Amino acid sequence: MTRSAHLSKSPMALNRPQENSPEMKRPLWRDSWLMAICIGRIFMYMNYMVYAACLPIIKGEWGMSATQAGSIVSGFMIGYSASLAIASWLADHFGARRIFVLSAFASSVAALAFGIFARDYATTLLLYSLIGAAQGGIYTPGIVLMAERFSAARRGGAVGWFIASTSMGYAFSLAVSGLLIALGGYVLAFLGTGILPSAGALILWIALRRTPNVIHDRRRGIRLKAGAKNQRNTRYLVAGYTLHCWELLGMWAWIPAFLAASLALSGAASVRSAELAAYCVAAMHIVGAVASSTMGHLSDLLGRRAVLIGLGAAGALLSLIFGWLVAVPVQILVGLMLIYGFVVIGDSPVLSAALTEVVAPDRLGSVLAVRSLLGFGAGAVSPVAFGAVLDWLLVGDNRASAWGPAFMVFAIGGFGAAWCAWRLRRL
């Protein structure tokens, strides 16, 4: 059963426990509603990273250039950004809960189709883009659900847990992919990770079946400034998120291949290096889950602006140096990768929580739609830009040194995000 609310007086109250109730005082990790959604989302993202994990193998088998390999990620990001925007707008008009659940089932169908039919460059480009076009509805409508249920004092932590579940999904996706690659190559990895999102869709449906479907009063247009309590902060938060996505999504797309290249330089075989890289990057995403849950809570305590500046600057500095370290001992490289993964994802829940605090509830979905188009549009371009630099420099005896300039492309996003955070007025 669901309920709709067309009320001007805080419709969020329909879905939010009383501020002084025991439910609101207990730790977030003991909130069964939030934890069930997080578990469901872990399963939903089981196939998100399978392409990145298999890239070191299929790039050679299919004869793809680095630019073609990056274009598959870009196809996914284009579909994902479009679905984020559409799902955000639909959440304003038809309720976040309804769109969230429908998108979960659509994503499970797309994942299964990818697992069965993706067997070359063309089919992978098409079906991976289709997965992206279905998955957006389990992200931004979920942010709206968090804003509807949790007060501002706890929202950073709640959004942090929500985004941490995404990182855990990525980690399990890479770990399962690595195991299946070792057992049956990329075909088994595609199939295995394509089945698991169906379990996630079922968990989310069960978790949300009694959650009210809140529909706010409708107004015309989806202008960025509509309903904003602080238009300046809204603009800088959206710009900061866009630059954050440039760095984060590009880095995620290419770091498994980079780590596999580093392992290959140390003498590991191609399949073995891909398997080991998948496990190492899975560990990075587990650290990212810790970053999301802790940095969101830290921003509740220290303020959004300070946390955003620190994380943005740290990510940019690591982007400047990381690619030059391809030949260092793997243990050192993995340690730095874990730090890198922590700082580039840590500002994600902070940016989302801050946006919910400066945009009116009835316009939040629409502003998230604009933010999604810009952010994931940037995330679609950055892997191709990285691949183009790599193709240009991967010649002769300079193959190892090509990774350094390629990773420096991502530093643009980190420094830009830090500057946008510095320009924020007091939140």
Protein backbone atom coordinates (compact mmCIF):
# COMPACT_ATOMS: atom_id res chain seq x y z
CA MET A 1 0.00 0.00 0.00
CA THR A 2 1.22 3.49 -0.81
CA ARG A 3 -0.04 6.95 -0.07
CA SER A 4 0.27 10.15 -2.03
CA ALA A 5 0.42 13.59 -0.50
CA HIS A 6 -0.53 16.79 -2.30
CA LEU A 7 0.04 19.05 0.70
CA SER A 8 1.76 22.38 1.03
CA LYS A 9 2.46 21.70 4.70
CA SER A 10 5.60 19.54 4.87
CA PRO A 11 4.58 16.39 3.05
CA MET A 12 7.88 14.91 4.15
CA ALA A 13 6.40 14.54 7.61
CA LEU A 14 4.33 11.64 6.33
CA ASN A 15 7.49 9.56 5.96
CA ARG A 16 9.71 10.89 8.76
CA PRO A 17 9.71 9.54 12.34
CA GLN A 18 9.24 12.07 15.14
CA GLU A 19 12.44 13.97 15.91
CA ASN A 20 12.65 12.85 19.55
CA SER A 21 11.45 9.29 18.99
CA PRO A 22 13.72 6.32 19.85
CA GLU A 23 13.87 5.54 16.12
CA MET A 24 15.51 8.90 15.43
CA LYS A 25 17.98 8.64 18.33
CA ARG A 26 19.43 5.22 17.52
CA PRO A 27 22.49 4.88 15.24
CA LEU A 28 21.78 4.89 11.53
CA TRP A 29 23.24 1.42 11.07
CA ARG A 30 20.42 0.11 13.28
CA ASP A 31 17.72 1.67 11.10
CA SER A 32 16.25 -1.42 9.41
CA TRP A 33 14.57 0.64 6.65
CA LEU A 34 17.85 2.28 5.64
CA MET A 35 19.89 -0.93 5.92
CA ALA A 36 17.41 -2.91 3.78
CA ILE A 37 17.64 -0.29 1.04
CA CYS A 38 21.44 -0.37 1.24
CA ILE A 39 21.53 -4.18 0.96
CA GLY A 40 19.16 -4.12 -2.00
CA ARG A 41 21.31 -1.52 -3.76
CA ILE A 42 24.45 -3.62 -3.24
CA PHE A 43 22.84 -6.37 -5.30
CA MET A 44 21.55 -3.87 -7.86
CA TYR A 45 25.09 -2.71 -8.65
CA MET A 46 26.59 -6.20 -8.96
CA ASN A 47 27.12 -5.80 -12.72
CA TYR A 48 28.18 -2.15 -12.65
CA MET A 49 31.92 -2.85 -12.63
CA VAL A 50 32.04 -6.11 -14.59
CA TYR A 51 33.05 -4.34 -17.81
CA ALA A 52 35.91 -2.51 -16.07
CA ALA A 53 37.06 -5.80 -14.49
CA CYS A 54 36.99 -7.63 -17.84
CA LEU A 55 38.48 -4.75 -19.87
CA PRO A 56 42.11 -5.95 -19.73
CA ILE A 57 40.96 -9.23 -21.36
CA ILE A 58 38.30 -8.16 -23.84
CA LYS A 59 40.27 -5.16 -25.09
CA GLY A 60 42.78 -7.55 -26.65
CA GLU A 61 40.34 -10.31 -27.62
CA TRP A 62 38.01 -7.90 -29.40
CA GLY A 63 40.78 -5.74 -30.87
CA MET A 64 39.51 -2.52 -29.30
CA SER A 65 41.51 0.68 -29.13
CA ALA A 66 41.66 2.59 -25.83
CA THR A 67 39.27 5.15 -27.31
CA GLN A 68 36.75 2.42 -28.20
CA ALA A 69 37.11 0.92 -24.73
CA GLY A 70 36.42 4.32 -23.20
CA SER A 71 33.43 4.84 -25.50
CA ILE A 72 31.61 1.87 -23.90
CA VAL A 73 31.95 3.53 -20.51
CA SER A 74 30.82 6.79 -22.09
CA GLY A 75 27.77 5.06 -23.58
CA PHE A 76 26.86 3.81 -20.13
CA MET A 77 27.35 7.26 -18.62
CA ILE A 78 25.25 8.96 -21.28
CA GLY A 79 22.42 6.52 -20.66
CA TYR A 80 22.88 6.85 -16.91
CA SER A 81 22.88 10.64 -16.93
CA ALA A 82 19.74 10.71 -19.07
CA SER A 83 17.97 8.24 -16.76
CA LEU A 84 19.07 10.19 -13.68
CA ALA A 85 17.55 13.34 -15.11
CA ILE A 86 14.32 11.67 -16.24
CA ALA A 87 13.92 9.69 -13.01
CA SER A 88 14.52 12.82 -10.92
CA TRP A 89 11.85 14.74 -12.82
CA LEU A 90 9.43 11.79 -12.57
CA ALA A 91 10.06 11.59 -8.82
CA ASP A 92 8.74 15.15 -8.46
CA HIS A 93 5.62 14.30 -10.43
CA PHE A 94 4.84 10.68 -9.52
CA GLY A 95 6.66 10.11 -6.24
CA ALA A 96 10.22 9.00 -5.47
CA ARG A 97 9.22 5.62 -4.05
CA ARG A 98 7.29 4.56 -7.14
CA ILE A 99 10.06 5.56 -9.56
CA PHE A 100 12.73 3.97 -7.37
CA VAL A 101 11.01 0.55 -7.32
CA LEU A 102 10.10 0.57 -11.04
CA SER A 103 13.68 1.47 -11.95
CA ALA A 104 15.01 -1.38 -9.82
CA PHE A 105 13.01 -3.93 -11.78
CA ALA A 106 13.94 -2.32 -15.12
CA SER A 107 17.62 -2.44 -14.13
CA SER A 108 17.42 -6.14 -13.28
CA VAL A 109 15.99 -6.92 -16.74
CA ALA A 110 18.70 -4.86 -18.48
CA ALA A 111 21.43 -6.58 -16.44
CA LEU A 112 20.15 -10.00 -17.41
CA ALA A 113 20.05 -9.04 -21.11
CA PHE A 114 23.65 -7.79 -20.89
CA GLY A 115 24.82 -11.02 -19.28
CA ILE A 116 23.24 -13.16 -21.98
CA PHE A 117 23.87 -11.18 -25.16
CA ALA A 118 26.96 -8.90 -24.74
CA ARG A 119 29.70 -10.68 -26.69
CA ASP A 120 31.50 -8.05 -28.81
CA TYR A 121 32.13 -4.31 -29.02
CA ALA A 122 28.79 -3.42 -30.65
CA THR A 123 26.53 -5.51 -28.39
CA THR A 124 28.43 -4.45 -25.27
CA LEU A 125 28.18 -0.78 -26.21
CA LEU A 126 24.43 -1.13 -26.80
CA LEU A 127 23.53 -3.24 -23.78
CA TYR A 128 25.87 -1.53 -21.30
CA SER A 129 24.30 1.77 -22.37
CA LEU A 130 20.89 0.20 -21.75
CA ILE A 131 21.93 -0.74 -18.22
CA GLY A 132 22.91 2.88 -17.64
CA ALA A 133 19.56 4.03 -19.01
CA ALA A 134 17.75 1.87 -16.44
CA GLN A 135 19.90 2.40 -13.33
CA GLY A 136 19.47 6.15 -12.78
CA GLY A 137 16.18 5.63 -11.01
CA ILE A 138 17.83 3.84 -8.10
CA TYR A 139 20.04 6.81 -7.31
CA THR A 140 18.48 10.28 -7.40
CA PRO A 141 14.96 9.19 -6.30
CA GLY A 142 16.76 7.46 -3.44
CA ILE A 143 18.33 10.78 -2.42
CA VAL A 144 14.81 12.22 -2.35
CA LEU A 145 13.68 9.31 -0.16
CA MET A 146 16.52 10.06 2.28
CA ALA A 147 15.55 13.74 2.39
CA GLU A 148 11.91 12.80 3.03
CA ARG A 149 12.75 10.49 5.93
CA PHE A 150 15.71 12.10 7.73
CA SER A 151 16.13 15.55 9.26
CA ALA A 152 19.00 17.82 8.22
CA ALA A 153 20.94 16.94 11.40
CA ARG A 154 21.10 13.27 10.35
CA ARG A 155 20.78 13.58 6.59
CA GLY A 156 24.51 13.71 5.81
CA GLY A 157 25.01 10.41 7.60
CA ALA A 158 21.94 8.82 5.99
CA VAL A 159 22.96 9.89 2.50
CA GLY A 160 26.45 8.67 3.33
CA TRP A 161 25.14 5.18 4.10
CA PHE A 162 23.02 5.28 0.95
CA ILE A 163 26.02 6.13 -1.25
CA ALA A 164 28.23 3.72 0.70
CA SER A 165 25.92 0.94 -0.47
CA THR A 166 26.76 1.96 -4.03
CA SER A 167 30.48 1.56 -3.31
CA MET A 168 29.86 -1.79 -1.67
CA GLY A 169 27.95 -2.86 -4.76
CA TYR A 170 30.93 -1.86 -6.89
CA ALA A 171 33.28 -3.77 -4.57
CA PHE A 172 31.22 -6.94 -4.68
CA SER A 173 30.81 -6.52 -8.44
CA LEU A 174 34.59 -6.47 -8.86
CA ALA A 175 35.18 -9.31 -6.40
CA VAL A 176 32.55 -11.55 -8.01
CA SER A 177 33.81 -10.58 -11.46
CA GLY A 178 37.38 -11.48 -10.50
CA LEU A 179 36.27 -14.87 -9.21
CA LEU A 180 34.17 -15.62 -12.30
CA ILE A 181 36.91 -14.44 -14.65
CA ALA A 182 39.22 -17.01 -13.05
CA LEU A 183 36.57 -19.74 -13.39
CA GLY A 184 35.22 -19.09 -16.88
CA GLY A 185 36.55 -15.88 -18.41
CA TYR A 186 34.57 -12.77 -19.25
CA VAL A 187 31.52 -14.74 -20.50
CA LEU A 188 30.87 -16.30 -17.09
CA ALA A 189 31.55 -12.94 -15.40
CA PHE A 190 28.95 -11.22 -17.60
CA LEU A 191 26.39 -13.96 -16.93
CA GLY A 192 26.95 -14.25 -13.18
CA THR A 193 26.82 -10.55 -12.44
CA GLY A 194 23.82 -10.16 -14.74
CA ILE A 195 21.66 -12.44 -12.59
CA LEU A 196 22.30 -10.94 -9.13
CA PRO A 197 20.49 -7.55 -9.60
CA SER A 198 17.17 -9.44 -9.71
CA ALA A 199 17.66 -10.28 -6.01
CA GLY A 200 18.30 -6.61 -5.30
CA ALA A 201 15.08 -5.53 -7.00
CA LEU A 202 13.11 -7.97 -4.84
CA ILE A 203 14.77 -6.73 -1.63
CA LEU A 204 14.03 -3.09 -2.48
CA TRP A 205 10.40 -3.86 -3.29
CA ILE A 206 9.96 -5.61 0.07
CA ALA A 207 11.75 -2.82 1.98
CA LEU A 208 9.66 -0.04 0.43
CA ARG A 209 6.25 -1.67 0.13
CA ARG A 210 4.89 0.28 3.15
CA THR A 211 6.79 3.52 2.55
CA PRO A 212 4.45 6.38 1.54
CA ASN A 213 4.76 7.58 -2.04
CA VAL A 214 4.92 11.36 -1.52
CA ILE A 215 3.88 13.54 -4.46
CA HIS A 216 4.51 17.25 -4.01
CA ASP A 217 2.50 20.10 -5.49
CA ARG A 218 3.42 20.44 -9.18
CA ARG A 219 4.77 23.63 -10.70
CA ARG A 220 5.90 24.38 -14.21
CA GLY A 221 9.47 24.04 -15.45
CA ILE A 222 12.62 22.47 -14.08
CA ARG A 223 14.77 25.59 -13.89
CA LEU A 224 17.84 25.24 -11.71
CA LYS A 225 16.92 28.29 -9.65
CA ALA A 226 13.28 27.29 -9.08
CA GLY A 227 12.58 26.84 -5.39
CA ALA A 228 16.19 27.33 -4.34
CA LYS A 229 16.66 28.79 -0.87
CA ASN A 230 20.13 29.92 -1.87
CA GLN A 231 20.63 30.19 -5.62
CA ARG A 232 24.37 30.91 -5.39
CA ASN A 233 25.03 27.80 -3.32
CA THR A 234 22.83 25.72 -5.61
CA ARG A 235 24.86 26.76 -8.65
CA TYR A 236 28.20 26.03 -6.98
CA LEU A 237 27.02 22.70 -5.57
CA VAL A 238 25.84 21.60 -9.01
CA ALA A 239 29.09 22.79 -10.61
CA GLY A 240 31.12 21.08 -7.89
CA TYR A 241 29.24 17.83 -8.44
CA THR A 242 29.88 18.04 -12.18
CA LEU A 243 33.63 18.41 -11.65
CA HIS A 244 33.58 15.72 -8.95
CA CYS A 245 32.01 13.31 -11.48
CA TRP A 246 34.66 14.13 -14.08
CA GLU A 247 37.36 12.91 -11.71
CA LEU A 248 35.52 10.10 -9.92
CA LEU A 249 33.82 8.35 -12.83
CA GLY A 250 36.84 8.61 -15.10
CA MET A 251 39.11 7.21 -12.42
CA TRP A 252 36.72 4.33 -11.69
CA ALA A 253 36.53 3.42 -15.37
CA TRP A 254 40.28 3.19 -15.91
CA ILE A 255 41.87 2.16 -12.63
CA PRO A 256 41.32 -1.62 -13.12
CA ALA A 257 43.14 -1.46 -16.47
CA PHE A 258 45.88 0.70 -14.92
CA LEU A 259 46.40 -1.73 -12.07
CA ALA A 260 46.40 -4.68 -14.50
CA ALA A 261 49.07 -2.86 -16.54
CA SER A 262 51.15 -2.38 -13.40
CA LEU A 263 50.82 -6.08 -12.54
CA ALA A 264 51.74 -7.02 -16.11
CA LEU A 265 54.92 -4.94 -15.83
CA SER A 266 55.83 -7.06 -12.81
CA GLY A 267 55.40 -10.24 -14.88
CA ALA A 268 51.82 -11.38 -14.20
CA ALA A 269 49.88 -13.06 -17.03
CA SER A 270 47.02 -11.19 -18.66
CA VAL A 271 44.11 -13.12 -17.11
CA ARG A 272 45.83 -13.32 -13.73
CA SER A 273 46.57 -9.58 -13.74
CA ALA A 274 42.91 -8.81 -14.58
CA GLU A 275 41.73 -11.07 -11.73
CA LEU A 276 44.12 -9.52 -9.20
CA ALA A 277 43.28 -6.00 -10.37
CA ALA A 278 39.57 -6.71 -9.85
CA TYR A 279 40.19 -7.80 -6.25
CA CYS A 280 42.38 -4.78 -5.49
CA VAL A 281 39.88 -2.32 -6.94
CA ALA A 282 37.11 -4.10 -4.99
CA ALA A 283 39.08 -3.26 -1.85
CA MET A 284 39.22 0.36 -3.04
CA HIS A 285 35.43 0.47 -3.27
CA ILE A 286 35.06 -1.00 0.22
CA VAL A 287 37.27 1.84 1.45
CA GLY A 288 35.02 4.15 -0.60
CA ALA A 289 32.00 2.84 1.30
CA VAL A 290 33.76 3.75 4.55
CA ALA A 291 34.51 7.19 3.10
CA SER A 292 30.88 7.80 2.15
CA SER A 293 29.48 6.78 5.53
CA THR A 294 32.11 8.65 7.57
CA MET A 295 32.49 11.82 5.48
CA GLY A 296 28.74 12.35 5.35
CA HIS A 297 28.62 12.15 9.15
CA LEU A 298 31.75 14.31 9.47
CA SER A 299 30.06 17.01 7.41
CA ASP A 300 27.14 16.90 9.87
CA LEU A 301 29.67 17.79 12.58
CA LEU A 302 32.18 20.11 10.86
CA GLY A 303 30.06 21.62 8.08
CA ARG A 304 29.70 20.72 4.42
CA ARG A 305 32.03 23.39 3.02
CA ALA A 306 35.17 22.46 4.99
CA VAL A 307 34.88 18.76 4.16
CA LEU A 308 34.28 19.47 0.47
CA ILE A 309 37.35 21.73 0.15
CA GLY A 310 39.65 19.23 1.84
CA LEU A 311 38.50 16.20 -0.13
CA GLY A 312 38.47 18.00 -3.49
CA ALA A 313 42.03 19.25 -3.08
CA ALA A 314 43.33 15.90 -1.87
CA GLY A 315 41.77 14.06 -4.82
CA ALA A 316 43.28 16.51 -7.30
CA LEU A 317 46.77 16.10 -5.87
CA LEU A 318 46.53 12.32 -6.10
CA SER A 319 45.30 12.55 -9.71
CA LEU A 320 48.41 14.55 -10.54
CA ILE A 321 50.82 11.92 -9.23
CA PHE A 322 49.07 8.55 -9.37
CA GLY A 323 49.57 7.63 -13.03
CA TRP A 324 53.32 8.19 -12.82
CA LEU A 325 53.60 5.35 -10.29
CA VAL A 326 52.67 2.45 -12.61
CA ALA A 327 56.09 0.82 -12.17
CA VAL A 328 56.38 1.12 -8.37
CA PRO A 329 55.96 -2.02 -6.21
CA VAL A 330 52.37 -3.21 -6.30
CA GLN A 331 51.96 -3.06 -2.50
CA ILE A 332 52.76 0.67 -2.47
CA LEU A 333 50.55 1.32 -5.48
CA VAL A 334 47.56 -0.45 -3.92
CA GLY A 335 48.02 1.48 -0.67
CA LEU A 336 47.95 4.79 -2.55
CA MET A 337 45.00 3.59 -4.60
CA LEU A 338 43.00 2.99 -1.40
CA ILE A 339 43.70 6.55 -0.26
CA TYR A 340 42.83 7.84 -3.74
CA GLY A 341 39.57 5.92 -3.72
CA PHE A 342 38.70 7.29 -0.27
CA VAL A 343 39.08 10.97 -1.10
CA VAL A 344 37.48 11.01 -4.56
CA ILE A 345 34.21 9.40 -3.35
CA GLY A 346 34.12 10.98 0.12
CA ASP A 347 32.61 14.27 -1.07
CA SER A 348 29.72 12.60 -2.92
CA PRO A 349 27.30 12.28 0.05
CA VAL A 350 28.32 15.73 1.27
CA LEU A 351 27.44 17.33 -2.07
CA SER A 352 24.08 15.53 -2.13
CA ALA A 353 23.17 16.31 1.48
CA ALA A 354 24.12 19.98 1.00
CA LEU A 355 21.89 20.24 -2.07
CA THR A 356 18.85 18.93 -0.19
CA GLU A 357 19.35 21.77 2.30
CA VAL A 358 19.35 24.64 -0.21
CA VAL A 359 16.60 23.47 -2.58
CA ALA A 360 12.88 23.43 -1.75
CA PRO A 361 11.46 19.88 -1.39
CA ASP A 362 9.02 20.22 -4.29
CA ARG A 363 11.88 21.16 -6.66
CA LEU A 364 14.56 18.80 -5.37
CA GLY A 365 13.95 16.15 -8.02
CA SER A 366 14.10 18.71 -10.82
CA VAL A 367 17.37 20.22 -9.59
CA LEU A 368 18.81 16.73 -9.19
CA ALA A 369 17.81 16.13 -12.81
CA VAL A 370 19.89 19.10 -13.99
CA ARG A 371 22.77 18.07 -11.75
CA SER A 372 22.67 14.53 -13.08
CA LEU A 373 22.78 15.60 -16.71
CA LEU A 374 25.79 17.80 -16.08
CA GLY A 375 27.63 15.48 -13.69
CA PHE A 376 27.27 12.23 -15.55
CA GLY A 377 27.68 14.01 -18.85
CA ALA A 378 31.11 15.04 -17.58
CA GLY A 379 31.64 11.47 -16.38
CA ALA A 380 30.87 10.25 -19.91
CA VAL A 381 33.49 12.53 -21.47
CA SER A 382 36.38 12.02 -19.04
CA PRO A 383 37.01 8.29 -19.80
CA VAL A 384 37.24 9.11 -23.51
CA ALA A 385 39.58 12.04 -22.82
CA PHE A 386 41.74 9.71 -20.73
CA GLY A 387 41.69 7.06 -23.48
CA ALA A 388 42.61 9.61 -26.14
CA VAL A 389 45.66 10.74 -24.15
CA LEU A 390 46.61 7.11 -23.60
CA ASP A 391 46.30 6.26 -27.32
CA TRP A 392 48.40 9.30 -28.21
CA LEU A 393 51.23 8.45 -25.82
CA LEU A 394 51.25 4.63 -25.87
CA VAL A 395 53.98 4.34 -28.50
CA GLY A 396 57.52 2.98 -28.63
CA ASP A 397 59.34 2.64 -25.32
CA ASN A 398 57.21 5.19 -23.46
CA ARG A 399 54.22 2.94 -22.69
CA ALA A 400 54.58 3.09 -18.90
CA SER A 401 55.00 6.87 -18.81
CA ALA A 402 51.74 7.40 -20.76
CA TRP A 403 49.62 6.73 -17.67
CA GLY A 404 50.89 9.81 -15.83
CA PRO A 405 49.55 12.48 -18.24
CA ALA A 406 46.34 10.48 -18.69
CA PHE A 407 45.55 10.54 -14.95
CA MET A 408 46.37 14.24 -14.79
CA VAL A 409 43.26 14.81 -16.92
CA PHE A 410 41.19 13.91 -13.83
CA ALA A 411 42.89 16.55 -11.65
CA ILE A 412 40.85 19.20 -13.48
CA GLY A 413 37.78 17.87 -11.68
CA GLY A 414 39.34 17.69 -8.23
CA PHE A 415 40.74 21.22 -8.25
CA GLY A 416 37.52 22.58 -9.78
CA ALA A 417 35.36 20.89 -7.14
CA ALA A 418 37.54 22.33 -4.35
CA TRP A 419 37.23 25.83 -5.85
CA CYS A 420 33.44 25.54 -6.07
CA ALA A 421 33.31 24.48 -2.41
CA TRP A 422 35.51 27.43 -1.43
CA ARG A 423 33.01 29.77 -3.18
CA LEU A 424 30.06 28.47 -1.13
CA ARG A 425 28.43 30.78 1.33
CA ARG A 426 27.73 29.49 4.84
CA LEU A 427 25.44 26.44 4.70
